């Protein structure tokens, strides 16, 4: 048996945990996704000296921006492209920092939010957003920081950054001093207190109608987090979908059709009010 000092030396440090927490896996597009991307216009967007890979589909209609989650890529939301284009929308998808074909080695929900806003600034105005998982949280941060859209759809999105930090600390079995170090280092990495991405801090940006879609049996992001968002977002609708989990929700026909129908309906309602 190792002595206590040796066992403690084997433990993760706050810096180790930060690196693991902020380094996503770079996922390669499937053959089906590559075929889809080949039908779009490839774009390269400068974002603080790093290139963001983006694609445009359709032209001339209200723009819908698709936002992926952690360890993912824009093409994972490819199932929404054809239905949206068929309804007259222009669709933009992009790979966040350190994801897919974009540059960078490390990222976070805040980095994804900044990238989202950069894409919107360059290609906007953006009419609507469809966001999955941590991409949903990034959208909430972007709304709080001034991004304005007509409507947004949030698929299995987390609303508590604190919960994600606590999960990372538990997984790394950090000692209290190292847990404190990890939190401090993470705040420095994102350039703001971690509390800045909590629901209470971003809810003032929820000024448009929202559709929240979540499977109660989701094992990655608890359904209760969408319930919490729905509770504070008066102009939101919560749609419960069963049997799709966390990743398959992006390919479920009922989810895709519900999201596309809803976004199109929101556009029609706004047009009628303006007439």
C-alpha atoms as a PDB file:
ATOM      1  CA  UNK A   1       0.000   0.000   0.000  1.00  0.00           C
ATOM      2  CA  UNK A   2       1.276   3.450  -0.903  1.00  0.00           C
ATOM      3  CA  UNK A   3       1.824   5.883   1.951  1.00  0.00           C
ATOM      4  CA  UNK A   4      -0.714   8.737   2.208  1.00  0.00           C
ATOM      5  CA  UNK A   5       1.683  11.259   0.704  1.00  0.00           C
ATOM      6  CA  UNK A   6       2.114   9.140  -2.435  1.00  0.00           C
ATOM      7  CA  UNK A   7      -1.634   8.585  -2.778  1.00  0.00           C
ATOM      8  CA  UNK A   8      -2.197  12.315  -2.556  1.00  0.00           C
ATOM      9  CA  UNK A   9       0.498  12.976  -5.174  1.00  0.00           C
ATOM     10  CA  UNK A  10      -1.474  10.781  -7.590  1.00  0.00           C
ATOM     11  CA  UNK A  11      -4.557  12.959  -7.246  1.00  0.00           C
ATOM     12  CA  UNK A  12      -5.658  15.425  -9.925  1.00  0.00           C
ATOM     13  CA  UNK A  13      -4.732  19.052  -9.358  1.00  0.00           C
ATOM     14  CA  UNK A  14      -6.890  22.075 -10.046  1.00  0.00           C
ATOM     15  CA  UNK A  15      -4.809  22.839 -13.142  1.00  0.00           C
ATOM     16  CA  UNK A  16      -5.118  19.245 -14.398  1.00  0.00           C
ATOM     17  CA  UNK A  17      -8.863  19.430 -13.970  1.00  0.00           C
ATOM     18  CA  UNK A  18      -9.087  22.776 -15.744  1.00  0.00           C
ATOM     19  CA  UNK A  19      -7.223  21.399 -18.749  1.00  0.00           C
ATOM     20  CA  UNK A  20      -9.456  18.348 -18.896  1.00  0.00           C
ATOM     21  CA  UNK A  21     -12.617  20.427 -18.365  1.00  0.00           C
ATOM     22  CA  UNK A  22     -11.779  22.906 -21.127  1.00  0.00           C
ATOM     23  CA  UNK A  23     -10.347  20.531 -23.757  1.00  0.00           C
ATOM     24  CA  UNK A  24     -13.107  19.031 -25.906  1.00  0.00           C
ATOM     25  CA  UNK A  25     -12.789  16.005 -28.132  1.00  0.00           C
ATOM     26  CA  UNK A  26     -12.561  16.947 -31.799  1.00  0.00           C
ATOM     27  CA  UNK A  27     -15.214  14.924 -33.606  1.00  0.00           C
ATOM     28  CA  UNK A  28     -14.865  14.095 -37.310  1.00  0.00           C
ATOM     29  CA  UNK A  29     -17.909  14.574 -39.533  1.00  0.00           C
ATOM     30  CA  UNK A  30     -19.585  11.365 -40.694  1.00  0.00           C
ATOM     31  CA  UNK A  31     -19.907  10.622 -44.411  1.00  0.00           C
ATOM     32  CA  UNK A  32     -23.521  11.760 -44.283  1.00  0.00           C
ATOM     33  CA  UNK A  33     -22.518  14.999 -42.573  1.00  0.00           C
ATOM     34  CA  UNK A  34     -19.700  15.598 -45.060  1.00  0.00           C
ATOM     35  CA  UNK A  35     -22.190  15.186 -47.900  1.00  0.00           C
ATOM     36  CA  UNK A  36     -24.465  17.751 -46.282  1.00  0.00           C
ATOM     37  CA  UNK A  37     -21.645  20.253 -45.723  1.00  0.00           C
ATOM     38  CA  UNK A  38     -20.637  19.898 -49.371  1.00  0.00           C
ATOM     39  CA  UNK A  39     -24.030  21.302 -50.385  1.00  0.00           C
ATOM     40  CA  UNK A  40     -23.504  24.492 -48.392  1.00  0.00           C
ATOM     41  CA  UNK A  41     -21.293  27.519 -48.858  1.00  0.00           C
ATOM     42  CA  UNK A  42     -18.149  27.166 -46.768  1.00  0.00           C
ATOM     43  CA  UNK A  43     -17.232  30.202 -44.702  1.00  0.00           C
ATOM     44  CA  UNK A  44     -14.197  31.119 -42.602  1.00  0.00           C
ATOM     45  CA  UNK A  45     -14.803  33.657 -39.852  1.00  0.00           C
ATOM     46  CA  UNK A  46     -11.957  35.335 -38.008  1.00  0.00           C
ATOM     47  CA  UNK A  47     -12.532  35.237 -34.267  1.00  0.00           C
ATOM     48  CA  UNK A  48      -9.765  36.861 -32.306  1.00  0.00           C
ATOM     49  CA  UNK A  49      -7.105  35.544 -34.654  1.00  0.00           C
ATOM     50  CA  UNK A  50      -8.577  32.033 -34.811  1.00  0.00           C
ATOM     51  CA  UNK A  51     -10.653  30.655 -37.662  1.00  0.00           C
ATOM     52  CA  UNK A  52     -14.207  29.533 -37.079  1.00  0.00           C
ATOM     53  CA  UNK A  53     -15.499  27.104 -39.699  1.00  0.00           C
ATOM     54  CA  UNK A  54     -19.067  27.856 -40.799  1.00  0.00           C
ATOM     55  CA  UNK A  55     -21.490  26.877 -43.553  1.00  0.00           C
ATOM     56  CA  UNK A  56     -24.449  28.644 -45.149  1.00  0.00           C
ATOM     57  CA  UNK A  57     -27.474  26.870 -46.667  1.00  0.00           C
ATOM     58  CA  UNK A  58     -30.241  28.558 -48.620  1.00  0.00           C
ATOM     59  CA  UNK A  59     -30.255  32.265 -49.302  1.00  0.00           C
ATOM     60  CA  UNK A  60     -32.374  35.313 -48.802  1.00  0.00           C
ATOM     61  CA  UNK A  61     -34.683  34.125 -46.033  1.00  0.00           C
ATOM     62  CA  UNK A  62     -34.661  34.805 -42.290  1.00  0.00           C
ATOM     63  CA  UNK A  63     -31.450  33.382 -40.851  1.00  0.00           C
ATOM     64  CA  UNK A  64     -31.502  30.505 -38.371  1.00  0.00           C
ATOM     65  CA  UNK A  65     -28.255  29.822 -36.504  1.00  0.00           C
ATOM     66  CA  UNK A  66     -27.593  26.260 -35.300  1.00  0.00           C
ATOM     67  CA  UNK A  67     -25.428  25.928 -32.181  1.00  0.00           C
ATOM     68  CA  UNK A  68     -23.879  22.613 -31.121  1.00  0.00           C
ATOM     69  CA  UNK A  69     -22.893  21.351 -27.693  1.00  0.00           C
ATOM     70  CA  UNK A  70     -19.693  20.064 -26.079  1.00  0.00           C
ATOM     71  CA  UNK A  71     -17.663  17.359 -27.848  1.00  0.00           C
ATOM     72  CA  UNK A  72     -19.839  17.990 -30.885  1.00  0.00           C
ATOM     73  CA  UNK A  73     -19.844  19.940 -34.149  1.00  0.00           C
ATOM     74  CA  UNK A  74     -22.242  22.017 -36.191  1.00  0.00           C
ATOM     75  CA  UNK A  75     -23.053  19.220 -38.620  1.00  0.00           C
ATOM     76  CA  UNK A  76     -24.597  17.223 -35.749  1.00  0.00           C
ATOM     77  CA  UNK A  77     -27.585  19.561 -36.166  1.00  0.00           C
ATOM     78  CA  UNK A  78     -27.660  18.864 -39.894  1.00  0.00           C
ATOM     79  CA  UNK A  79     -31.104  17.264 -39.690  1.00  0.00           C
ATOM     80  CA  UNK A  80     -32.622  20.717 -39.263  1.00  0.00           C
ATOM     81  CA  UNK A  81     -31.071  22.175 -42.424  1.00  0.00           C
ATOM     82  CA  UNK A  82     -33.274  20.813 -45.224  1.00  0.00           C
ATOM     83  CA  UNK A  83     -36.608  21.341 -43.406  1.00  0.00           C
ATOM     84  CA  UNK A  84     -35.678  24.926 -42.536  1.00  0.00           C
ATOM     85  CA  UNK A  85     -34.478  25.747 -46.054  1.00  0.00           C
ATOM     86  CA  UNK A  86     -37.685  24.223 -47.443  1.00  0.00           C
ATOM     87  CA  UNK A  87     -39.627  26.716 -45.288  1.00  0.00           C
ATOM     88  CA  UNK A  88     -37.709  29.634 -46.751  1.00  0.00           C
ATOM     89  CA  UNK A  89     -35.019  30.079 -44.121  1.00  0.00           C
ATOM     90  CA  UNK A  90     -31.323  30.637 -44.592  1.00  0.00           C
ATOM     91  CA  UNK A  91     -29.430  28.317 -42.237  1.00  0.00           C
ATOM     92  CA  UNK A  92     -26.021  28.916 -40.687  1.00  0.00           C
ATOM     93  CA  UNK A  93     -24.125  26.283 -38.764  1.00  0.00           C
ATOM     94  CA  UNK A  94     -20.636  26.591 -37.337  1.00  0.00           C
ATOM     95  CA  UNK A  95     -18.042  24.694 -35.330  1.00  0.00           C
ATOM     96  CA  UNK A  96     -17.261  26.347 -31.997  1.00  0.00           C
ATOM     97  CA  UNK A  97     -13.708  27.040 -30.800  1.00  0.00           C
ATOM     98  CA  UNK A  98     -11.641  23.832 -30.541  1.00  0.00           C
ATOM     99  CA  UNK A  99     -14.487  21.831 -32.107  1.00  0.00           C
ATOM    100  CA  UNK A 100     -14.902  20.261 -35.525  1.00  0.00           C
ATOM    101  CA  UNK A 101     -12.967  22.143 -38.182  1.00  0.00           C
ATOM    102  CA  UNK A 102     -12.493  25.357 -36.203  1.00  0.00           C
ATOM    103  CA  UNK A 103      -9.156  26.338 -34.747  1.00  0.00           C
ATOM    104  CA  UNK A 104      -8.201  26.311 -31.089  1.00  0.00           C
ATOM    105  CA  UNK A 105      -7.283  23.775 -28.429  1.00  0.00           C
ATOM    106  CA  UNK A 106      -9.467  24.760 -25.466  1.00  0.00           C
ATOM    107  CA  UNK A 107     -12.955  26.124 -25.022  1.00  0.00           C
ATOM    108  CA  UNK A 108     -15.864  26.672 -22.627  1.00  0.00           C
ATOM    109  CA  UNK A 109     -19.509  27.658 -22.685  1.00  0.00           C
ATOM    110  CA  UNK A 110     -18.410  31.303 -22.535  1.00  0.00           C
ATOM    111  CA  UNK A 111     -16.038  30.842 -25.479  1.00  0.00           C
ATOM    112  CA  UNK A 112     -18.904  29.231 -27.398  1.00  0.00           C
ATOM    113  CA  UNK A 113     -21.140  32.206 -26.543  1.00  0.00           C
ATOM    114  CA  UNK A 114     -18.534  34.648 -27.810  1.00  0.00           C
ATOM    115  CA  UNK A 115     -18.126  32.632 -31.003  1.00  0.00           C
ATOM    116  CA  UNK A 116     -21.897  32.593 -31.464  1.00  0.00           C
ATOM    117  CA  UNK A 117     -22.015  36.374 -31.173  1.00  0.00           C
ATOM    118  CA  UNK A 118     -19.100  36.741 -33.592  1.00  0.00           C
ATOM    119  CA  UNK A 119     -20.884  34.598 -36.193  1.00  0.00           C
ATOM    120  CA  UNK A 120     -24.040  36.652 -35.678  1.00  0.00           C
ATOM    121  CA  UNK A 121     -22.100  39.917 -36.033  1.00  0.00           C
ATOM    122  CA  UNK A 122     -20.476  38.794 -39.288  1.00  0.00           C
ATOM    123  CA  UNK A 123     -23.406  36.965 -40.917  1.00  0.00           C
ATOM    124  CA  UNK A 124     -26.417  38.459 -39.149  1.00  0.00           C
ATOM    125  CA  UNK A 125     -28.960  39.636 -38.442  1.00  0.00           C
ATOM    126  CA  UNK A 126     -30.079  36.338 -36.931  1.00  0.00           C
ATOM    127  CA  UNK A 127     -33.800  35.644 -36.869  1.00  0.00           C
ATOM    128  CA  UNK A 128     -33.745  32.490 -34.718  1.00  0.00           C
ATOM    129  CA  UNK A 129     -31.409  30.087 -32.932  1.00  0.00           C
ATOM    130  CA  UNK A 130     -31.637  26.327 -32.447  1.00  0.00           C
ATOM    131  CA  UNK A 131     -29.153  25.186 -29.806  1.00  0.00           C
ATOM    132  CA  UNK A 132     -28.324  21.834 -28.221  1.00  0.00           C
ATOM    133  CA  UNK A 133     -26.914  21.031 -24.793  1.00  0.00           C
ATOM    134  CA  UNK A 134     -24.149  23.442 -23.733  1.00  0.00           C
ATOM    135  CA  UNK A 135     -24.798  25.312 -26.972  1.00  0.00           C
ATOM    136  CA  UNK A 136     -28.130  26.241 -25.403  1.00  0.00           C
ATOM    137  CA  UNK A 137     -26.360  27.729 -22.379  1.00  0.00           C
ATOM    138  CA  UNK A 138     -24.032  29.608 -24.728  1.00  0.00           C
ATOM    139  CA  UNK A 139     -27.084  31.065 -26.460  1.00  0.00           C
ATOM    140  CA  UNK A 140     -28.520  32.189 -23.115  1.00  0.00           C
ATOM    141  CA  UNK A 141     -25.229  33.945 -22.319  1.00  0.00           C
ATOM    142  CA  UNK A 142     -25.219  35.570 -25.764  1.00  0.00           C
ATOM    143  CA  UNK A 143     -28.786  36.813 -25.285  1.00  0.00           C
ATOM    144  CA  UNK A 144     -27.823  38.275 -21.906  1.00  0.00           C
ATOM    145  CA  UNK A 145     -24.911  40.062 -23.568  1.00  0.00           C
ATOM    146  CA  UNK A 146     -27.100  41.701 -26.192  1.00  0.00           C
ATOM    147  CA  UNK A 147     -27.821  39.258 -29.039  1.00  0.00           C
ATOM    148  CA  UNK A 148     -31.396  39.808 -30.205  1.00  0.00           C
ATOM    149  CA  UNK A 149     -33.427  37.181 -32.077  1.00  0.00           C
ATOM    150  CA  UNK A 150     -37.087  36.663 -32.875  1.00  0.00           C
ATOM    151  CA  UNK A 151     -37.205  33.161 -31.338  1.00  0.00           C
ATOM    152  CA  UNK A 152     -34.985  30.356 -30.064  1.00  0.00           C
ATOM    153  CA  UNK A 153     -35.231  26.590 -29.554  1.00  0.00           C
ATOM    154  CA  UNK A 154     -33.280  24.884 -26.777  1.00  0.00           C
ATOM    155  CA  UNK A 155     -32.690  21.134 -26.911  1.00  0.00           C
ATOM    156  CA  UNK A 156     -31.726  19.436 -23.634  1.00  0.00           C
ATOM    157  CA  UNK A 157     -29.887  22.515 -22.431  1.00  0.00           C
ATOM    158  CA  UNK A 158     -28.216  22.862 -19.030  1.00  0.00           C
ATOM    159  CA  UNK A 159     -28.916  25.968 -16.972  1.00  0.00           C
ATOM    160  CA  UNK A 160     -26.420  25.522 -14.136  1.00  0.00           C
ATOM    161  CA  UNK A 161     -22.720  26.006 -14.776  1.00  0.00           C
ATOM    162  CA  UNK A 162     -22.158  25.427 -11.064  1.00  0.00           C
ATOM    163  CA  UNK A 163     -23.540  21.909 -11.449  1.00  0.00           C
ATOM    164  CA  UNK A 164     -21.064  21.181 -14.248  1.00  0.00           C
ATOM    165  CA  UNK A 165     -18.163  22.446 -12.102  1.00  0.00           C
ATOM    166  CA  UNK A 166     -19.307  20.335  -9.169  1.00  0.00           C
ATOM    167  CA  UNK A 167     -19.467  17.281 -11.432  1.00  0.00           C
ATOM    168  CA  UNK A 168     -15.912  17.921 -12.659  1.00  0.00           C
ATOM    169  CA  UNK A 169     -14.650  18.302  -9.081  1.00  0.00           C
ATOM    170  CA  UNK A 170     -16.344  15.069  -8.024  1.00  0.00           C
ATOM    171  CA  UNK A 171     -15.058  13.151 -11.050  1.00  0.00           C
ATOM    172  CA  UNK A 172     -11.488  14.307 -10.379  1.00  0.00           C
ATOM    173  CA  UNK A 173     -11.846  13.638  -6.625  1.00  0.00           C
ATOM    174  CA  UNK A 174     -10.258  17.000  -5.906  1.00  0.00           C
ATOM    175  CA  UNK A 175      -9.173  17.889  -2.412  1.00  0.00           C
ATOM    176  CA  UNK A 176     -10.757  21.130  -1.119  1.00  0.00           C
ATOM    177  CA  UNK A 177      -7.705  23.270  -1.833  1.00  0.00           C
ATOM    178  CA  UNK A 178      -7.470  21.924  -5.401  1.00  0.00           C
ATOM    179  CA  UNK A 179     -11.217  22.392  -5.916  1.00  0.00           C
ATOM    180  CA  UNK A 180     -10.793  26.043  -4.933  1.00  0.00           C
ATOM    181  CA  UNK A 181      -7.849  26.332  -7.319  1.00  0.00           C
ATOM    182  CA  UNK A 182      -9.870  24.795 -10.153  1.00  0.00           C
ATOM    183  CA  UNK A 183     -12.732  27.240  -9.649  1.00  0.00           C
ATOM    184  CA  UNK A 184     -10.343  30.186  -9.523  1.00  0.00           C
ATOM    185  CA  UNK A 185      -8.495  29.057 -12.649  1.00  0.00           C
ATOM    186  CA  UNK A 186     -11.748  28.491 -14.520  1.00  0.00           C
ATOM    187  CA  UNK A 187     -13.002  31.984 -13.684  1.00  0.00           C
ATOM    188  CA  UNK A 188      -9.712  33.391 -15.017  1.00  0.00           C
ATOM    189  CA  UNK A 189     -10.011  31.253 -18.161  1.00  0.00           C
ATOM    190  CA  UNK A 190     -13.503  32.521 -19.036  1.00  0.00           C
ATOM    191  CA  UNK A 191     -12.720  36.065 -17.909  1.00  0.00           C
ATOM    192  CA  UNK A 192     -15.641  36.380 -15.509  1.00  0.00           C
ATOM    193  CA  UNK A 193     -16.999  34.757 -12.334  1.00  0.00           C
ATOM    194  CA  UNK A 194     -18.485  31.322 -12.959  1.00  0.00           C
ATOM    195  CA  UNK A 195     -21.729  32.646 -11.471  1.00  0.00           C
ATOM    196  CA  UNK A 196     -22.065  34.847 -14.564  1.00  0.00           C
ATOM    197  CA  UNK A 197     -23.408  31.901 -16.562  1.00  0.00           C
ATOM    198  CA  UNK A 198     -25.968  30.813 -13.977  1.00  0.00           C
ATOM    199  CA  UNK A 199     -29.628  31.149 -14.902  1.00  0.00           C
ATOM    200  CA  UNK A 200     -30.185  33.983 -12.444  1.00  0.00           C
ATOM    201  CA  UNK A 201     -27.420  35.987 -14.119  1.00  0.00           C
ATOM    202  CA  UNK A 202     -28.609  35.536 -17.718  1.00  0.00           C
ATOM    203  CA  UNK A 203     -32.396  35.491 -17.432  1.00  0.00           C
ATOM    204  CA  UNK A 204     -32.683  39.207 -18.246  1.00  0.00           C
ATOM    205  CA  UNK A 205     -31.767  38.350 -21.852  1.00  0.00           C
ATOM    206  CA  UNK A 206     -34.881  36.211 -22.346  1.00  0.00           C
ATOM    207  CA  UNK A 207     -36.920  38.812 -24.212  1.00  0.00           C
ATOM    208  CA  UNK A 208     -38.279  36.633 -27.013  1.00  0.00           C
ATOM    209  CA  UNK A 209     -40.393  33.447 -27.260  1.00  0.00           C
ATOM    210  CA  UNK A 210     -38.541  30.209 -26.577  1.00  0.00           C
ATOM    211  CA  UNK A 211     -39.260  26.519 -27.157  1.00  0.00           C
ATOM    212  CA  UNK A 212     -37.601  24.081 -24.744  1.00  0.00           C
ATOM    213  CA  UNK A 213     -37.446  20.400 -25.730  1.00  0.00           C
ATOM    214  CA  UNK A 214     -36.141  17.738 -23.352  1.00  0.00           C
ATOM    215  CA  UNK A 215     -36.457  14.028 -22.597  1.00  0.00           C
ATOM    216  CA  UNK A 216     -37.203  13.425 -18.880  1.00  0.00           C
ATOM    217  CA  UNK A 217     -35.004  10.316 -19.099  1.00  0.00           C
ATOM    218  CA  UNK A 218     -31.969  12.286 -20.363  1.00  0.00           C
ATOM    219  CA  UNK A 219     -28.945  10.872 -18.489  1.00  0.00           C
ATOM    220  CA  UNK A 220     -26.570  13.722 -19.378  1.00  0.00           C
ATOM    221  CA  UNK A 221     -28.517  16.883 -18.577  1.00  0.00           C
ATOM    222  CA  UNK A 222     -31.328  16.533 -16.021  1.00  0.00           C
ATOM    223  CA  UNK A 223     -34.819  17.421 -17.252  1.00  0.00           C
ATOM    224  CA  UNK A 224     -35.144  19.620 -14.156  1.00  0.00           C
ATOM    225  CA  UNK A 225     -32.782  22.141 -15.754  1.00  0.00           C
ATOM    226  CA  UNK A 226     -35.217  22.782 -18.617  1.00  0.00           C
ATOM    227  CA  UNK A 227     -37.992  23.001 -16.046  1.00  0.00           C
ATOM    228  CA  UNK A 228     -36.007  25.673 -14.196  1.00  0.00           C
ATOM    229  CA  UNK A 229     -35.498  27.625 -17.422  1.00  0.00           C
ATOM    230  CA  UNK A 230     -39.189  27.346 -18.283  1.00  0.00           C
ATOM    231  CA  UNK A 231     -40.088  28.610 -14.819  1.00  0.00           C
ATOM    232  CA  UNK A 232     -38.201  31.887 -15.223  1.00  0.00           C
ATOM    233  CA  UNK A 233     -38.850  32.341 -18.967  1.00  0.00           C
ATOM    234  CA  UNK A 234     -42.444  33.491 -19.186  1.00  0.00           C
ATOM    235  CA  UNK A 235     -42.483  33.474 -22.992  1.00  0.00           C
ATOM    236  CA  UNK A 236     -41.322  29.857 -23.220  1.00  0.00           C
ATOM    237  CA  UNK A 237     -43.043  26.571 -24.034  1.00  0.00           C
ATOM    238  CA  UNK A 238     -41.742  23.274 -22.634  1.00  0.00           C
ATOM    239  CA  UNK A 239     -42.222  20.268 -24.921  1.00  0.00           C
ATOM    240  CA  UNK A 240     -41.609  16.849 -23.384  1.00  0.00           C
ATOM    241  CA  UNK A 241     -40.300  14.164 -25.732  1.00  0.00           C
ATOM    242  CA  UNK A 242     -39.737  10.562 -24.667  1.00  0.00           C
ATOM    243  CA  UNK A 243     -37.184   7.980 -25.723  1.00  0.00           C
ATOM    244  CA  UNK A 244     -34.632  10.210 -27.438  1.00  0.00           C
ATOM    245  CA  UNK A 245     -32.079  10.724 -24.670  1.00  0.00           C
ATOM    246  CA  UNK A 246     -29.496  13.470 -24.976  1.00  0.00           C
ATOM    247  CA  UNK A 247     -27.839  12.970 -28.374  1.00  0.00           C
ATOM    248  CA  UNK A 248     -30.577  11.264 -30.393  1.00  0.00           C
ATOM    249  CA  UNK A 249     -32.854  14.244 -29.723  1.00  0.00           C
ATOM    250  CA  UNK A 250     -31.094  15.919 -32.671  1.00  0.00           C
ATOM    251  CA  UNK A 251     -32.256  13.198 -35.077  1.00  0.00           C
ATOM    252  CA  UNK A 252     -35.753  12.560 -33.761  1.00  0.00           C
ATOM    253  CA  UNK A 253     -38.290  13.441 -36.502  1.00  0.00           C
ATOM    254  CA  UNK A 254     -40.811  14.675 -33.936  1.00  0.00           C
ATOM    255  CA  UNK A 255     -38.232  17.078 -32.485  1.00  0.00           C
ATOM    256  CA  UNK A 256     -37.062  18.396 -35.855  1.00  0.00           C
ATOM    257  CA  UNK A 257     -40.602  18.954 -37.120  1.00  0.00           C
ATOM    258  CA  UNK A 258     -41.724  20.567 -33.857  1.00  0.00           C
ATOM    259  CA  UNK A 259     -38.759  22.979 -33.861  1.00  0.00           C
ATOM    260  CA  UNK A 260     -39.121  23.919 -37.541  1.00  0.00           C
ATOM    261  CA  UNK A 261     -42.905  24.341 -37.323  1.00  0.00           C
ATOM    262  CA  UNK A 262     -42.553  26.478 -34.208  1.00  0.00           C
ATOM    263  CA  UNK A 263     -39.892  28.784 -35.652  1.00  0.00           C
ATOM    264  CA  UNK A 264     -41.930  29.219 -38.834  1.00  0.00           C
ATOM    265  CA  UNK A 265     -45.056  29.973 -36.799  1.00  0.00           C
ATOM    266  CA  UNK A 266     -43.214  32.584 -34.739  1.00  0.00           C
ATOM    267  CA  UNK A 267     -42.102  34.301 -37.939  1.00  0.00           C
ATOM    268  CA  UNK A 268     -45.677  34.277 -39.260  1.00  0.00           C
ATOM    269  CA  UNK A 269     -47.066  35.734 -36.021  1.00  0.00           C
ATOM    270  CA  UNK A 270     -44.551  38.553 -36.060  1.00  0.00           C
ATOM    271  CA  UNK A 271     -45.349  39.316 -39.707  1.00  0.00           C
ATOM    272  CA  UNK A 272     -49.071  39.487 -38.916  1.00  0.00           C
ATOM    273  CA  UNK A 273     -48.485  41.852 -35.987  1.00  0.00           C
ATOM    274  CA  UNK A 274     -46.352  44.083 -38.188  1.00  0.00           C
ATOM    275  CA  UNK A 275     -48.935  44.155 -41.021  1.00  0.00           C
END
